[in-house]
Amino acid sequence: MDAFLDHLRVERGRAPLTVEAYGRDLSRFVAHAEEEGCRRVAKLTPTIVSSFMVRLGREGLGARSAARHLSSVRGFCRFLVKEGELAQDPSALVVRPRLGRRLPQVLDGDEVERLLAAPDATIPRGRRDQAMLFLMYAAGLRVSELVKLEVGDLDLRRGVVRAFGKGRKRRLVPVGEPAMAAVEAYLPDRAQHPAAARSVVLFLSPRGRALSRQAFFKAVKKYAVAAGITKNVSPHKLRHSFATHLLEGGADLRSVQAMLGHADVSTTEIYTHVVGEHLRRVYDRAHPRA
């Protein structure tokens, strides 16, 4: 298992959080296999993998989480076959749990405006948080991408941000003037930070390090409450809103896929269902025969 995790980290270039998630899933699988009397890789069978999935269901794990565990086990088993430790993949015929298609909840335009205006722009921390909110919504960034941004990743002259997504895949996303203005308002505060000279991170915490994902998550929650938004707001909701609002505005799916950094367009297609509901409301309101 350690060799597989090293393979993911070094050869596949997977993000540390992804490797960590694989490790958690596989530790659970290995513990189950040992309880079933399997203490050697060569003894893994389809029955052990199937009983593991049954166990996850009995323990109340949701279909989406169970499917992720199976994906981790499959990756591990394929690695074992490739390394010659197994003759056949014992997970190949195990059925993946059926997933319901959940539509992402998004903020409407008014809610986004209120959230962006919530930080106190008269103080340094407020200007930093406002710049982060503006940039996240303007570029559809993941929170992990946002907190890791470096000063050099932002081209204020061209209005472009460079993000490094899953697997360290780089993408360039255009950013509008309001987000650029918010970042420019924050930069003088950053320049005065004691850690500015020794750090390349764009958004600095009071200690001079990159802001943690958890800290930003809590900040977004706080600003949502201050803005009077009753929905369960998280940083990822801004990413969902970015994609949905682009499609509502007429952007094509491939462009949105590129800006989000999705490897497969089928991942982006979920937003077309949200937009479909929007089109129905517009049609019902505007069409003379609706």
Protein backbone atom coordinates (compact mmCIF):
# COMPACT_ATOMS: atom_id res chain seq x y z
CA MET A 1 0.00 0.00 0.00
CA ASP A 2 2.85 2.39 0.80
CA ALA A 3 4.40 1.62 -2.59
CA PHE A 4 1.08 2.43 -4.29
CA LEU A 5 0.74 5.73 -2.44
CA ASP A 6 4.33 6.62 -3.42
CA HIS A 7 3.41 5.76 -7.03
CA LEU A 8 0.46 8.16 -6.86
CA ARG A 9 2.56 10.88 -5.30
CA VAL A 10 5.71 10.62 -7.43
CA GLU A 11 4.81 9.02 -10.76
CA ARG A 12 1.20 10.16 -11.14
CA GLY A 13 1.74 13.57 -9.57
CA ARG A 14 -1.44 13.39 -7.50
CA ALA A 15 -2.11 16.17 -5.01
CA PRO A 16 -1.22 15.52 -1.33
CA LEU A 17 -4.88 15.65 -0.29
CA THR A 18 -5.78 13.09 -2.97
CA VAL A 19 -3.02 10.73 -1.81
CA GLU A 20 -4.20 11.20 1.77
CA ALA A 21 -7.77 10.27 0.77
CA TYR A 22 -6.52 7.12 -1.01
CA GLY A 23 -4.57 6.21 2.11
CA ARG A 24 -7.65 6.52 4.35
CA ASP A 25 -9.80 4.42 2.02
CA LEU A 26 -7.18 1.71 1.60
CA SER A 27 -6.40 1.52 5.31
CA ARG A 28 -10.06 0.74 5.84
CA PHE A 29 -9.94 -1.91 3.10
CA VAL A 30 -6.76 -3.53 4.43
CA ALA A 31 -8.24 -3.72 7.94
CA HIS A 32 -11.33 -5.45 6.51
CA ALA A 33 -9.21 -7.89 4.46
CA GLU A 34 -7.19 -8.84 7.54
CA GLU A 35 -10.38 -9.44 9.51
CA GLU A 36 -11.46 -11.79 6.69
CA GLY A 37 -8.23 -13.76 7.16
CA CYS A 38 -6.39 -12.26 4.18
CA ARG A 39 -2.98 -11.08 5.30
CA ARG A 40 -1.12 -11.31 1.98
CA VAL A 41 -1.71 -9.42 -1.25
CA ALA A 42 -1.73 -12.67 -3.25
CA LYS A 43 -4.76 -13.85 -1.28
CA LEU A 44 -7.03 -10.96 -2.31
CA THR A 45 -10.21 -12.21 -4.00
CA PRO A 46 -13.36 -10.68 -5.52
CA THR A 47 -15.25 -12.00 -2.47
CA ILE A 48 -13.15 -9.87 -0.13
CA VAL A 49 -13.71 -6.75 -2.25
CA SER A 50 -17.46 -7.47 -2.48
CA SER A 51 -17.79 -8.09 1.25
CA PHE A 52 -15.95 -4.81 1.87
CA MET A 53 -18.56 -2.93 -0.20
CA VAL A 54 -21.38 -4.71 1.65
CA ARG A 55 -19.80 -3.74 4.95
CA LEU A 56 -19.61 -0.08 3.93
CA GLY A 57 -23.32 -0.16 3.13
CA ARG A 58 -24.20 -1.75 6.46
CA GLU A 59 -22.16 0.91 8.25
CA GLY A 60 -24.34 3.56 6.64
CA LEU A 61 -21.83 4.96 4.17
CA GLY A 62 -23.50 6.85 1.32
CA ALA A 63 -23.33 5.63 -2.28
CA ARG A 64 -20.98 8.42 -3.32
CA SER A 65 -18.49 7.69 -0.52
CA ALA A 66 -18.74 3.93 -1.13
CA ALA A 67 -18.02 4.50 -4.84
CA ARG A 68 -14.95 6.52 -3.91
CA HIS A 69 -13.70 3.66 -1.71
CA LEU A 70 -14.18 1.22 -4.58
CA SER A 71 -12.26 3.54 -6.92
CA SER A 72 -9.38 3.57 -4.43
CA VAL A 73 -9.43 -0.23 -4.15
CA ARG A 74 -9.53 -0.61 -7.95
CA GLY A 75 -6.57 1.70 -8.39
CA PHE A 76 -4.66 -0.32 -5.80
CA CYS A 77 -5.56 -3.66 -7.40
CA ARG A 78 -4.57 -2.49 -10.89
CA PHE A 79 -1.25 -1.35 -9.46
CA LEU A 80 -0.75 -4.81 -7.92
CA VAL A 81 -1.46 -6.50 -11.27
CA LYS A 82 0.96 -4.15 -13.03
CA GLU A 83 3.65 -4.90 -10.44
CA GLY A 84 3.14 -8.65 -10.85
CA GLU A 85 1.81 -9.16 -7.32
CA LEU A 86 -1.59 -10.34 -8.63
CA ALA A 87 -2.45 -12.31 -11.74
CA GLN A 88 -5.95 -10.80 -12.04
CA ASP A 89 -7.75 -7.75 -10.70
CA PRO A 90 -10.11 -8.95 -7.92
CA SER A 91 -12.10 -5.70 -8.09
CA ALA A 92 -12.83 -5.80 -11.82
CA LEU A 93 -16.28 -7.39 -11.60
CA VAL A 94 -17.45 -5.69 -8.39
CA VAL A 95 -20.43 -3.47 -9.19
CA ARG A 96 -20.06 0.22 -8.48
CA PRO A 97 -22.82 1.71 -6.26
CA ARG A 98 -25.42 3.63 -8.25
CA LEU A 99 -25.19 7.36 -7.69
CA GLY A 100 -28.12 9.71 -7.72
CA ARG A 101 -27.47 12.84 -9.74
CA ARG A 102 -27.40 15.71 -7.26
CA LEU A 103 -27.81 19.19 -8.66
CA PRO A 104 -25.36 21.64 -7.13
CA GLN A 105 -26.98 24.40 -5.11
CA VAL A 106 -25.91 27.82 -6.32
CA LEU A 107 -26.22 31.43 -5.23
CA ASP A 108 -28.25 33.77 -7.38
CA GLY A 109 -26.81 37.06 -8.62
CA ASP A 110 -28.15 39.11 -5.72
CA GLU A 111 -26.77 36.69 -3.13
CA VAL A 112 -23.35 36.75 -4.77
CA GLU A 113 -23.34 40.57 -4.73
CA ARG A 114 -24.25 40.63 -1.03
CA LEU A 115 -21.57 38.06 -0.18
CA LEU A 116 -18.88 39.99 -2.08
CA ALA A 117 -19.84 43.19 -0.29
CA ALA A 118 -19.88 41.60 3.20
CA PRO A 119 -16.17 42.02 4.18
CA ASP A 120 -15.23 45.33 5.78
CA ALA A 121 -13.10 46.93 3.05
CA THR A 122 -11.88 49.66 5.45
CA ILE A 123 -9.52 47.23 7.24
CA PRO A 124 -6.66 45.08 5.81
CA ARG A 125 -8.22 41.70 6.64
CA GLY A 126 -11.49 42.77 5.05
CA ARG A 127 -9.70 43.86 1.87
CA ARG A 128 -7.85 40.54 1.74
CA ASP A 129 -11.00 38.49 2.21
CA GLN A 130 -12.92 40.58 -0.31
CA ALA A 131 -10.15 40.09 -2.88
CA MET A 132 -10.26 36.33 -2.26
CA LEU A 133 -14.05 36.18 -2.64
CA PHE A 134 -13.99 38.27 -5.81
CA LEU A 135 -11.20 36.22 -7.36
CA MET A 136 -12.76 32.87 -6.44
CA TYR A 137 -16.08 33.80 -8.02
CA ALA A 138 -14.51 35.54 -11.02
CA ALA A 139 -12.29 32.57 -11.93
CA GLY A 140 -14.23 29.61 -10.53
CA LEU A 141 -11.26 28.51 -8.43
CA ARG A 142 -11.22 25.60 -6.04
CA VAL A 143 -10.46 26.72 -2.49
CA SER A 144 -7.19 24.72 -2.55
CA GLU A 145 -6.19 26.60 -5.72
CA LEU A 146 -7.12 29.97 -4.25
CA VAL A 147 -5.12 29.70 -1.03
CA LYS A 148 -2.03 28.45 -2.91
CA LEU A 149 -1.98 31.27 -5.46
CA GLU A 150 1.35 33.06 -5.75
CA VAL A 151 1.88 36.71 -6.67
CA GLY A 152 3.31 35.65 -10.03
CA ASP A 153 0.16 33.66 -10.87
CA LEU A 154 -1.79 36.88 -11.38
CA ASP A 155 -1.36 39.04 -14.48
CA LEU A 156 -3.12 42.28 -13.64
CA ARG A 157 -2.31 43.86 -16.97
CA ARG A 158 -3.93 41.10 -19.03
CA GLY A 159 -6.57 40.20 -16.45
CA VAL A 160 -5.57 36.52 -16.22
CA VAL A 161 -5.02 34.17 -13.29
CA ARG A 162 -2.92 30.99 -13.52
CA ALA A 163 -4.32 28.15 -11.44
CA PHE A 164 -2.80 24.76 -10.69
CA GLY A 165 -5.55 22.18 -10.35
CA LYS A 166 -5.63 18.47 -9.61
CA GLY A 167 -2.47 16.70 -10.68
CA ARG A 168 -0.72 20.08 -10.90
CA LYS A 169 -2.44 20.72 -14.23
CA ARG A 170 -2.09 24.38 -15.16
CA ARG A 171 -4.85 26.47 -16.65
CA LEU A 172 -5.28 30.16 -17.45
CA VAL A 173 -8.58 31.81 -16.59
CA PRO A 174 -9.61 35.34 -17.62
CA VAL A 175 -10.72 37.56 -14.74
CA GLY A 176 -12.94 40.65 -14.92
CA GLU A 177 -12.14 44.20 -13.83
CA PRO A 178 -14.06 44.11 -10.50
CA ALA A 179 -11.95 41.17 -9.27
CA MET A 180 -8.74 42.82 -10.49
CA ALA A 181 -9.69 46.03 -8.68
CA ALA A 182 -10.34 44.10 -5.44
CA VAL A 183 -6.92 42.42 -5.67
CA GLU A 184 -5.20 45.73 -6.44
CA ALA A 185 -6.84 47.25 -3.35
CA TYR A 186 -5.37 44.42 -1.25
CA LEU A 187 -1.82 44.42 -2.66
CA PRO A 188 -0.59 47.52 -0.73
CA ASP A 189 -1.61 45.76 2.52
CA ARG A 190 0.32 42.68 1.45
CA ALA A 191 3.38 44.78 0.65
CA GLN A 192 3.39 46.11 4.22
CA HIS A 193 3.15 42.63 5.76
CA PRO A 194 6.38 41.64 7.58
CA ALA A 195 6.48 38.37 5.65
CA ALA A 196 5.96 39.92 2.21
CA ALA A 197 9.67 39.92 1.30
CA ARG A 198 10.19 36.22 2.04
CA SER A 199 6.90 34.78 0.79
CA VAL A 200 5.51 34.35 -2.73
CA VAL A 201 2.00 33.50 -1.50
CA LEU A 202 -0.58 36.02 -2.68
CA PHE A 203 -3.00 35.89 0.24
CA LEU A 204 -1.11 35.95 3.53
CA SER A 205 -2.40 35.00 6.95
CA PRO A 206 -1.47 37.20 9.97
CA ARG A 207 1.47 34.82 10.57
CA GLY A 208 2.78 35.33 7.06
CA ARG A 209 1.79 31.93 5.68
CA ALA A 210 -0.76 30.80 3.14
CA LEU A 211 -4.27 30.96 4.56
CA SER A 212 -5.60 27.47 5.31
CA ARG A 213 -8.64 26.07 3.53
CA GLN A 214 -10.39 25.73 6.88
CA ALA A 215 -9.77 29.37 7.80
CA PHE A 216 -11.20 30.59 4.50
CA PHE A 217 -14.17 28.22 4.83
CA LYS A 218 -15.00 29.75 8.22
CA ALA A 219 -14.62 33.27 6.80
CA VAL A 220 -17.06 32.53 3.97
CA LYS A 221 -19.59 31.15 6.48
CA LYS A 222 -19.23 34.29 8.58
CA TYR A 223 -19.72 36.63 5.63
CA ALA A 224 -22.73 34.65 4.39
CA VAL A 225 -24.42 35.12 7.76
CA ALA A 226 -23.55 38.83 7.74
CA ALA A 227 -25.02 39.12 4.24
CA GLY A 228 -28.29 37.53 5.37
CA ILE A 229 -27.95 34.51 3.07
CA THR A 230 -29.95 31.58 4.41
CA LYS A 231 -28.45 28.93 2.10
CA ASN A 232 -25.65 26.69 3.33
CA VAL A 233 -22.80 28.68 1.77
CA SER A 234 -19.32 27.23 1.26
CA PRO A 235 -16.38 28.26 -0.93
CA HIS A 236 -17.31 25.55 -3.43
CA LYS A 237 -20.75 27.15 -3.83
CA LEU A 238 -19.00 30.12 -5.43
CA ARG A 239 -17.36 27.77 -7.92
CA HIS A 240 -20.77 26.20 -8.70
CA SER A 241 -22.26 29.67 -9.07
CA PHE A 242 -19.46 30.76 -11.41
CA ALA A 243 -20.14 27.86 -13.77
CA THR A 244 -23.91 28.18 -13.66
CA HIS A 245 -23.92 31.94 -14.22
CA LEU A 246 -21.53 31.57 -17.18
CA LEU A 247 -23.84 29.05 -18.85
CA GLU A 248 -26.86 31.21 -18.11
CA GLY A 249 -25.04 34.05 -19.82
CA GLY A 250 -24.52 32.00 -22.98
CA ALA A 251 -21.04 30.49 -22.50
CA ASP A 252 -20.45 27.16 -24.23
CA LEU A 253 -19.86 24.02 -22.21
CA ARG A 254 -16.31 23.40 -23.47
CA SER A 255 -15.18 26.87 -22.44
CA VAL A 256 -16.63 26.42 -18.95
CA GLN A 257 -14.94 23.00 -18.77
CA ALA A 258 -11.58 24.59 -19.58
CA MET A 259 -12.03 27.37 -17.02
CA LEU A 260 -13.06 24.93 -14.29
CA GLY A 261 -10.18 22.59 -15.10
CA HIS A 262 -12.40 19.51 -15.50
CA ALA A 263 -10.65 16.62 -17.25
CA ASP A 264 -13.96 15.26 -18.58
CA VAL A 265 -16.79 17.37 -19.99
CA SER A 266 -19.31 15.01 -18.37
CA THR A 267 -18.31 16.52 -15.02
CA THR A 268 -19.24 19.96 -16.34
CA GLU A 269 -22.55 18.78 -17.80
CA ILE A 270 -24.13 18.74 -14.32
CA TYR A 271 -24.45 22.51 -14.59
CA THR A 272 -26.58 22.25 -17.73
CA HIS A 273 -29.33 20.72 -15.59
CA VAL A 274 -29.27 23.72 -13.29
CA VAL A 275 -29.39 26.07 -16.25
CA GLY A 276 -32.27 24.08 -17.71
CA GLU A 277 -34.37 24.99 -14.69
CA HIS A 278 -33.40 28.63 -15.17
CA LEU A 279 -34.46 28.52 -18.85
CA ARG A 280 -37.81 27.02 -17.88
CA ARG A 281 -38.46 29.89 -15.46
CA VAL A 282 -37.50 32.44 -18.11
CA TYR A 283 -39.74 30.74 -20.67
CA ASP A 284 -42.69 30.57 -18.31
CA ARG A 285 -42.29 34.23 -17.45
CA ALA A 286 -41.65 35.62 -20.92
CA HIS A 287 -43.27 33.42 -23.59
CA PRO A 288 -46.77 34.54 -24.61
CA ARG A 289 -47.92 30.92 -24.85
CA ALA A 290 -46.21 29.73 -21.66
